[in-house]
């Protein structure tokens, strides 16, 4: 059954999902590098020998969580980020403590430990709010710089390399500012996407109000008239369009005897039964009161009569099961003619439906035959 209700579009790019994908790609690229470095340097570098296997294991587990347990990704990312930051500080201090002089110490920190700090800053902005990530990154930058400065001061030639550590801190500060700008831009995009999604949801609700029947959720008279006008322009020898029009028999007695609440339940059940009977692409509409119509594209009158007969049997049976009342319906069936006005075909099919009522109700009346219950 055709419906005017549309689900809202996904609000633009999924930025959280993009962040996860970026980190997963980084892990996939970094894991072989970590493995290769371990194989090459484990005999000469104890930090690589003992540090890289757990680092690789943590990153692989993190990648698995990002792919298969994305709901945990933010909490796990922050935890791993803090652990990595502590690890890089420990590695930096350990390498400085091992070195014989400042040039050798500085060389031992390049490239992995110092570049690892930069990676931590990026991950912080991917998984934290902008302000939190900025403060976090600034504190970490100052902490790593302080460790470098103190460690280098203890070594021969350390004064010159202390200035390199300060310059490194300045570079980290510039990098943080760039990340801040990008993160602000991301927030603006997110806000704009959210505004667009809200506007689209509002427009969708307005479309629903314009084209959907409030009680049953199917199309209303306005939508029916539009569809009839559209199909009238398509009707031809290879595209026949039929209209089924039906009205519940003695429905006023249902409202008078049992109340309008039960009457509304009856109408909703009828709409559900009809919606389950028509095809995808057919249009089911409620014109008002207890009157319903179905537009059946690519359907001749004979097939439309068969559908009407199925509905004629299904409606009272389903109503008996759902609300404990047996209510029948009378049907009119006709075909739309080329360029016929919607009001014209509705008058014709309405007359056929009343002929069915005059003939005893609970029957289908088509243009070519009187039908029988």
Protein backbone atom coordinates (compact mmCIF):
# COMPACT_ATOMS: atom_id res chain seq x y z
CA UNK A 1 0.00 0.00 0.00
CA UNK A 2 1.28 3.41 -0.89
CA UNK A 3 1.74 5.72 2.07
CA UNK A 4 2.51 9.40 2.28
CA UNK A 5 4.40 8.88 5.52
CA UNK A 6 8.13 8.94 4.92
CA UNK A 7 10.84 8.12 7.35
CA UNK A 8 13.19 11.01 8.01
CA UNK A 9 16.56 10.87 6.30
CA UNK A 10 19.59 10.01 8.28
CA UNK A 11 21.02 13.34 9.41
CA UNK A 12 23.96 13.78 7.03
CA UNK A 13 27.24 12.05 7.67
CA UNK A 14 27.46 9.97 10.82
CA UNK A 15 30.33 11.86 12.46
CA UNK A 16 30.66 9.43 15.35
CA UNK A 17 30.78 6.56 12.86
CA UNK A 18 33.35 8.47 10.81
CA UNK A 19 35.55 8.86 13.89
CA UNK A 20 35.35 5.11 14.53
CA UNK A 21 36.26 4.32 10.94
CA UNK A 22 39.24 6.69 11.00
CA UNK A 23 40.62 5.03 14.13
CA UNK A 24 40.01 1.53 12.77
CA UNK A 25 41.91 2.42 9.60
CA UNK A 26 44.72 3.83 11.73
CA UNK A 27 44.88 0.61 13.74
CA UNK A 28 44.92 -1.52 10.58
CA UNK A 29 47.80 0.55 9.22
CA UNK A 30 49.65 0.76 12.53
CA UNK A 31 49.39 -2.88 13.60
CA UNK A 32 51.78 -4.21 10.89
CA UNK A 33 54.21 -1.36 11.66
CA UNK A 34 54.18 -2.26 15.37
CA UNK A 35 54.72 -5.93 14.53
CA UNK A 36 57.55 -5.15 12.12
CA UNK A 37 59.25 -2.83 14.61
CA UNK A 38 59.03 -5.49 17.30
CA UNK A 39 60.59 -8.09 15.03
CA UNK A 40 63.40 -5.75 13.98
CA UNK A 41 64.23 -4.06 17.30
CA UNK A 42 63.25 -6.42 20.10
CA UNK A 43 66.80 -7.64 20.62
CA UNK A 44 68.28 -4.13 20.98
CA UNK A 45 65.46 -2.17 22.58
CA UNK A 46 63.80 -3.50 25.75
CA UNK A 47 61.02 -0.91 25.51
CA UNK A 48 60.07 -2.34 22.14
CA UNK A 49 60.52 -5.95 23.32
CA UNK A 50 58.24 -5.62 26.33
CA UNK A 51 56.05 -2.69 25.37
CA UNK A 52 54.97 -3.37 21.80
CA UNK A 53 53.18 -6.75 22.27
CA UNK A 54 50.70 -5.39 24.86
CA UNK A 55 50.36 -2.19 22.83
CA UNK A 56 49.46 -4.19 19.73
CA UNK A 57 47.03 -6.38 21.68
CA UNK A 58 45.27 -3.35 23.20
CA UNK A 59 44.92 -1.68 19.80
CA UNK A 60 43.51 -4.84 18.19
CA UNK A 61 40.96 -5.24 20.99
CA UNK A 62 40.07 -1.56 20.60
CA UNK A 63 39.60 -2.04 16.87
CA UNK A 64 37.32 -5.01 17.50
CA UNK A 65 35.22 -2.94 19.91
CA UNK A 66 34.96 -0.08 17.40
CA UNK A 67 33.67 -2.47 14.72
CA UNK A 68 31.49 -4.89 16.70
CA UNK A 69 30.61 -3.08 19.94
CA UNK A 70 30.38 0.53 18.82
CA UNK A 71 28.15 1.43 21.77
CA UNK A 72 31.17 0.98 24.03
CA UNK A 73 33.58 2.89 21.80
CA UNK A 74 33.56 6.26 23.57
CA UNK A 75 34.18 4.91 27.07
CA UNK A 76 36.81 2.43 25.86
CA UNK A 77 38.52 5.09 23.74
CA UNK A 78 38.93 7.46 26.68
CA UNK A 79 40.26 4.66 28.90
CA UNK A 80 42.78 3.51 26.29
CA UNK A 81 43.74 7.12 25.56
CA UNK A 82 44.68 7.76 29.19
CA UNK A 83 46.59 4.46 29.37
CA UNK A 84 48.53 5.31 26.22
CA UNK A 85 49.34 8.79 27.50
CA UNK A 86 50.72 7.34 30.72
CA UNK A 87 52.61 4.73 28.70
CA UNK A 88 54.24 7.33 26.42
CA UNK A 89 55.32 9.40 29.43
CA UNK A 90 56.82 6.28 31.04
CA UNK A 91 58.57 5.32 27.80
CA UNK A 92 59.94 8.84 27.37
CA UNK A 93 61.26 8.92 30.93
CA UNK A 94 62.71 5.42 30.60
CA UNK A 95 64.55 6.25 27.37
CA UNK A 96 65.89 9.48 28.87
CA UNK A 97 67.10 7.58 31.92
CA UNK A 98 68.89 5.02 29.77
CA UNK A 99 70.62 7.45 27.45
CA UNK A 100 74.28 8.42 27.91
CA UNK A 101 73.85 11.95 26.55
CA UNK A 102 71.18 14.36 25.35
CA UNK A 103 71.65 13.77 21.57
CA UNK A 104 71.26 10.03 22.06
CA UNK A 105 68.24 10.53 24.32
CA UNK A 106 66.52 12.79 21.81
CA UNK A 107 67.24 10.38 18.99
CA UNK A 108 65.70 7.53 21.01
CA UNK A 109 62.47 9.47 21.28
CA UNK A 110 62.11 9.87 17.53
CA UNK A 111 59.84 9.09 15.91
CA UNK A 112 57.44 6.81 17.78
CA UNK A 113 57.14 8.23 21.32
CA UNK A 114 56.88 11.86 20.23
CA UNK A 115 54.55 11.07 17.33
CA UNK A 116 52.48 8.91 19.70
CA UNK A 117 51.72 12.07 21.68
CA UNK A 118 50.28 13.66 18.53
CA UNK A 119 48.11 10.58 17.89
CA UNK A 120 46.76 10.80 21.45
CA UNK A 121 45.76 14.44 20.86
CA UNK A 122 43.88 13.48 17.70
CA UNK A 123 42.05 10.60 19.38
CA UNK A 124 41.07 12.92 22.24
CA UNK A 125 39.31 15.27 19.81
CA UNK A 126 37.62 12.38 18.03
CA UNK A 127 35.99 10.95 21.15
CA UNK A 128 35.65 13.92 23.56
CA UNK A 129 33.78 17.18 23.55
CA UNK A 130 35.84 20.03 22.15
CA UNK A 131 36.43 21.85 25.42
CA UNK A 132 37.28 18.66 27.28
CA UNK A 133 39.65 17.53 24.52
CA UNK A 134 41.37 20.93 24.49
CA UNK A 135 41.97 20.96 28.25
CA UNK A 136 42.99 17.30 28.21
CA UNK A 137 45.40 17.89 25.34
CA UNK A 138 46.92 20.99 26.93
CA UNK A 139 47.53 19.21 30.24
CA UNK A 140 49.08 16.23 28.46
CA UNK A 141 51.29 18.47 26.28
CA UNK A 142 52.60 20.30 29.33
CA UNK A 143 53.13 17.00 31.18
CA UNK A 144 55.15 15.37 28.40
CA UNK A 145 57.17 18.56 27.87
CA UNK A 146 57.96 18.76 31.57
CA UNK A 147 59.14 15.16 31.61
CA UNK A 148 61.33 15.82 28.56
CA UNK A 149 62.81 18.99 30.02
CA UNK A 150 63.64 17.40 33.39
CA UNK A 151 65.04 14.26 31.82
CA UNK A 152 67.19 16.14 29.31
CA UNK A 153 68.52 18.52 31.99
CA UNK A 154 70.22 15.57 33.68
CA UNK A 155 72.23 14.63 30.60
CA UNK A 156 75.35 16.06 28.99
CA UNK A 157 74.39 18.72 26.42
CA UNK A 158 70.86 18.76 27.77
CA UNK A 159 70.42 22.56 27.78
CA UNK A 160 70.28 22.75 23.99
CA UNK A 161 67.80 19.90 23.80
CA UNK A 162 65.65 21.44 26.49
CA UNK A 163 64.89 24.20 24.00
CA UNK A 164 63.95 21.52 21.48
CA UNK A 165 61.51 20.15 24.05
CA UNK A 166 60.03 23.64 24.51
CA UNK A 167 59.73 24.05 20.74
CA UNK A 168 58.05 20.65 20.60
CA UNK A 169 55.54 21.88 23.20
CA UNK A 170 54.87 24.97 21.09
CA UNK A 171 54.24 22.76 18.06
CA UNK A 172 51.83 20.71 20.12
CA UNK A 173 50.04 23.92 21.09
CA UNK A 174 49.72 24.96 17.43
CA UNK A 175 48.45 21.47 16.61
CA UNK A 176 45.87 21.74 19.41
CA UNK A 177 44.62 25.04 17.97
CA UNK A 178 44.23 23.43 14.55
CA UNK A 179 42.35 20.52 16.10
CA UNK A 180 40.18 23.04 17.97
CA UNK A 181 39.27 24.81 14.71
CA UNK A 182 38.44 21.51 13.00
CA UNK A 183 36.42 20.32 15.98
CA UNK A 184 34.45 23.57 16.08
CA UNK A 185 33.73 23.16 12.39
CA UNK A 186 32.58 19.60 13.10
CA UNK A 187 30.24 20.87 15.82
CA UNK A 188 28.80 23.48 13.47
CA UNK A 189 28.20 20.81 10.85
CA UNK A 190 26.57 18.56 13.45
CA UNK A 191 24.35 21.41 14.61
CA UNK A 192 23.38 22.28 11.03
CA UNK A 193 22.59 18.64 10.27
CA UNK A 194 20.47 18.39 13.43
CA UNK A 195 18.60 21.56 12.47
CA UNK A 196 17.99 20.16 8.98
CA UNK A 197 16.74 16.88 10.47
CA UNK A 198 14.34 18.74 12.76
CA UNK A 199 13.10 20.84 9.85
CA UNK A 200 12.59 17.73 7.75
CA UNK A 201 10.72 16.04 10.61
CA UNK A 202 8.48 19.09 10.91
CA UNK A 203 7.86 19.08 7.16
CA UNK A 204 7.10 15.37 7.34
CA UNK A 205 4.56 15.95 10.12
CA UNK A 206 2.97 18.69 8.06
CA UNK A 207 2.77 16.36 5.06
CA UNK A 208 1.15 13.77 7.30
CA UNK A 209 -1.38 16.31 8.49
CA UNK A 210 -2.13 17.28 4.90
CA UNK A 211 -2.35 13.79 3.39
CA UNK A 212 -3.06 11.27 6.15
CA UNK A 213 -6.30 10.46 7.90
CA UNK A 214 -5.74 11.21 11.57
CA UNK A 215 -7.87 8.35 12.89
CA UNK A 216 -6.67 5.45 10.73
CA UNK A 217 -3.24 6.60 9.48
CA UNK A 218 -4.09 5.85 5.83
CA UNK A 219 -4.40 8.45 3.07
CA UNK A 220 -7.16 11.05 3.30
CA UNK A 221 -9.52 12.53 0.71
CA UNK A 222 -7.02 15.14 -0.46
CA UNK A 223 -4.40 12.49 -1.17
CA UNK A 224 -7.01 10.35 -2.95
CA UNK A 225 -8.03 13.20 -5.25
CA UNK A 226 -4.39 13.88 -6.14
CA UNK A 227 -3.77 10.22 -6.94
CA UNK A 228 -6.88 9.98 -9.09
CA UNK A 229 -5.81 13.06 -11.04
CA UNK A 230 -2.35 11.58 -11.53
CA UNK A 231 -3.63 8.16 -12.64
CA UNK A 232 -6.19 9.72 -15.02
CA UNK A 233 -3.26 11.08 -17.02
CA UNK A 234 -1.71 7.61 -17.24
CA UNK A 235 -4.78 5.57 -18.17
CA UNK A 236 -4.59 3.87 -21.55
CA UNK A 237 -4.95 0.49 -23.25
CA UNK A 238 -1.82 -0.79 -21.50
CA UNK A 239 -2.45 0.88 -18.15
CA UNK A 240 -5.92 0.33 -16.76
CA UNK A 241 -6.80 1.78 -13.37
CA UNK A 242 -9.68 0.57 -11.21
CA UNK A 243 -11.39 2.16 -8.21
CA UNK A 244 -12.94 0.24 -5.31
CA UNK A 245 -15.25 2.30 -3.12
CA UNK A 246 -16.88 0.84 -0.01
CA UNK A 247 -19.03 1.94 2.87
CA UNK A 248 -19.76 0.08 6.11
CA UNK A 249 -23.36 -1.07 6.44
CA UNK A 250 -25.47 0.32 9.30
CA UNK A 251 -22.44 1.98 10.83
CA UNK A 252 -24.59 4.68 12.46
CA UNK A 253 -26.18 1.97 14.58
CA UNK A 254 -22.72 0.96 15.85
CA UNK A 255 -22.04 4.50 17.05
CA UNK A 256 -25.52 4.92 18.51
CA UNK A 257 -25.56 1.58 20.30
CA UNK A 258 -21.95 1.18 21.40
CA UNK A 259 -20.47 4.67 21.34
CA UNK A 260 -18.02 6.50 19.13
CA UNK A 261 -14.97 4.97 20.78
CA UNK A 262 -15.96 1.52 19.57
CA UNK A 263 -16.93 3.03 16.23
CA UNK A 264 -13.44 4.45 15.90
CA UNK A 265 -11.96 1.04 16.72
CA UNK A 266 -14.08 -0.47 13.96
CA UNK A 267 -12.78 2.06 11.44
CA UNK A 268 -9.19 1.41 12.45
CA UNK A 269 -9.63 -2.35 12.10
CA UNK A 270 -11.21 -1.92 8.67
CA UNK A 271 -8.26 0.24 7.59
CA UNK A 272 -5.82 -2.42 8.84
CA UNK A 273 -7.66 -5.21 7.05
CA UNK A 274 -7.80 -3.26 3.80
CA UNK A 275 -4.13 -2.24 4.09
CA UNK A 276 -3.20 -5.90 4.46
CA UNK A 277 -5.21 -6.81 1.36
CA UNK A 278 -4.04 -4.26 -1.19
CA UNK A 279 -0.70 -4.38 -3.01
CA UNK A 280 2.35 -2.20 -2.69
CA UNK A 281 1.66 0.76 -4.98
CA UNK A 282 -2.12 0.73 -4.47
CA UNK A 283 -3.57 3.68 -2.58
CA UNK A 284 -5.98 3.09 0.30
CA UNK A 285 -7.81 6.17 1.55
CA UNK A 286 -10.58 7.12 3.95
CA UNK A 287 -12.86 9.78 2.54
CA UNK A 288 -14.54 10.48 5.86
CA UNK A 289 -17.03 8.75 8.14
CA UNK A 290 -17.19 5.07 7.22
CA UNK A 291 -16.32 5.56 3.51
CA UNK A 292 -13.12 4.12 2.03
CA UNK A 293 -11.64 4.01 -1.47
CA UNK A 294 -8.80 2.09 -3.12
CA UNK A 295 -6.99 3.18 -6.28
CA UNK A 296 -5.60 0.15 -8.13
CA UNK A 297 -3.11 1.04 -10.89
CA UNK A 298 -2.46 -1.54 -13.61
CA UNK A 299 -5.64 -3.38 -12.60
CA UNK A 300 -8.73 -4.10 -14.70
CA UNK A 301 -12.26 -4.15 -13.32
CA UNK A 302 -12.43 -7.93 -13.03
CA UNK A 303 -9.33 -8.06 -10.81
CA UNK A 304 -10.69 -5.14 -8.79
CA UNK A 305 -13.96 -6.98 -8.22
CA UNK A 306 -12.01 -10.00 -6.97
CA UNK A 307 -10.15 -7.79 -4.48
CA UNK A 308 -13.44 -6.25 -3.37
CA UNK A 309 -14.90 -9.70 -2.80
CA UNK A 310 -11.92 -10.67 -0.65
CA UNK A 311 -12.42 -7.54 1.41
CA UNK A 312 -16.18 -8.14 1.64
CA UNK A 313 -15.52 -11.48 3.32
CA UNK A 314 -12.54 -10.35 5.40
CA UNK A 315 -14.01 -7.21 6.96
CA UNK A 316 -16.85 -8.80 8.99
CA UNK A 317 -14.69 -11.77 9.94
CA UNK A 318 -11.82 -9.60 11.23
CA UNK A 319 -14.18 -7.20 13.00
CA UNK A 320 -15.85 -10.09 14.80
CA UNK A 321 -12.46 -11.29 16.02
CA UNK A 322 -11.17 -7.82 16.95
CA UNK A 323 -14.15 -6.01 18.47
CA UNK A 324 -16.85 -8.64 18.81
CA UNK A 325 -19.14 -7.06 16.21
CA UNK A 326 -20.03 -8.30 12.75
CA UNK A 327 -20.20 -5.29 10.43
CA UNK A 328 -20.50 -5.78 6.68
CA UNK A 329 -19.67 -3.42 3.83
CA UNK A 330 -21.08 -2.60 0.41
CA UNK A 331 -18.74 -2.06 -2.54
CA UNK A 332 -18.74 -0.24 -5.86
CA UNK A 333 -16.10 -0.97 -8.48
CA UNK A 334 -15.33 0.88 -11.70
CA UNK A 335 -12.48 1.79 -14.01
CA UNK A 336 -10.99 5.23 -14.42
CA UNK A 337 -11.25 6.67 -17.94
CA UNK A 338 -8.51 8.75 -19.59
CA UNK A 339 -8.29 12.29 -18.20
CA UNK A 340 -11.44 11.77 -16.12
CA UNK A 341 -11.89 14.21 -13.26
CA UNK A 342 -11.51 12.75 -9.78
CA UNK A 343 -14.93 14.03 -8.72
CA UNK A 344 -16.51 12.36 -11.75
CA UNK A 345 -15.15 8.88 -11.09
CA UNK A 346 -15.99 9.20 -7.39
CA UNK A 347 -19.60 10.03 -8.28
CA UNK A 348 -19.80 7.00 -10.57
CA UNK A 349 -18.34 4.56 -8.08
CA UNK A 350 -20.41 6.07 -5.27
CA UNK A 351 -23.56 5.41 -7.28
CA UNK A 352 -22.47 1.81 -7.79
CA UNK A 353 -21.89 1.42 -4.06
CA UNK A 354 -25.41 2.74 -3.32
CA UNK A 355 -26.84 0.31 -5.86
CA UNK A 356 -25.14 -2.45 -3.85
CA UNK A 357 -26.81 -1.13 -0.68
CA UNK A 358 -30.18 -0.90 -2.44
CA UNK A 359 -29.79 -4.50 -3.59
CA UNK A 360 -29.49 -5.70 0.00
CA UNK A 361 -26.03 -4.56 1.21
CA UNK A 362 -22.98 -6.77 1.83
CA UNK A 363 -22.27 -7.11 -1.87
CA UNK A 364 -20.09 -5.83 -4.70
CA UNK A 365 -21.56 -3.80 -7.54
CA UNK A 366 -19.46 -3.20 -10.65
CA UNK A 367 -20.25 -1.36 -13.87
CA UNK A 368 -20.98 -4.51 -15.79
CA UNK A 369 -22.89 -6.70 -13.34
CA UNK A 370 -25.09 -6.37 -10.30
CA UNK A 371 -23.12 -8.87 -8.18
CA UNK A 372 -24.53 -10.82 -5.27
CA UNK A 373 -23.74 -11.37 -1.66
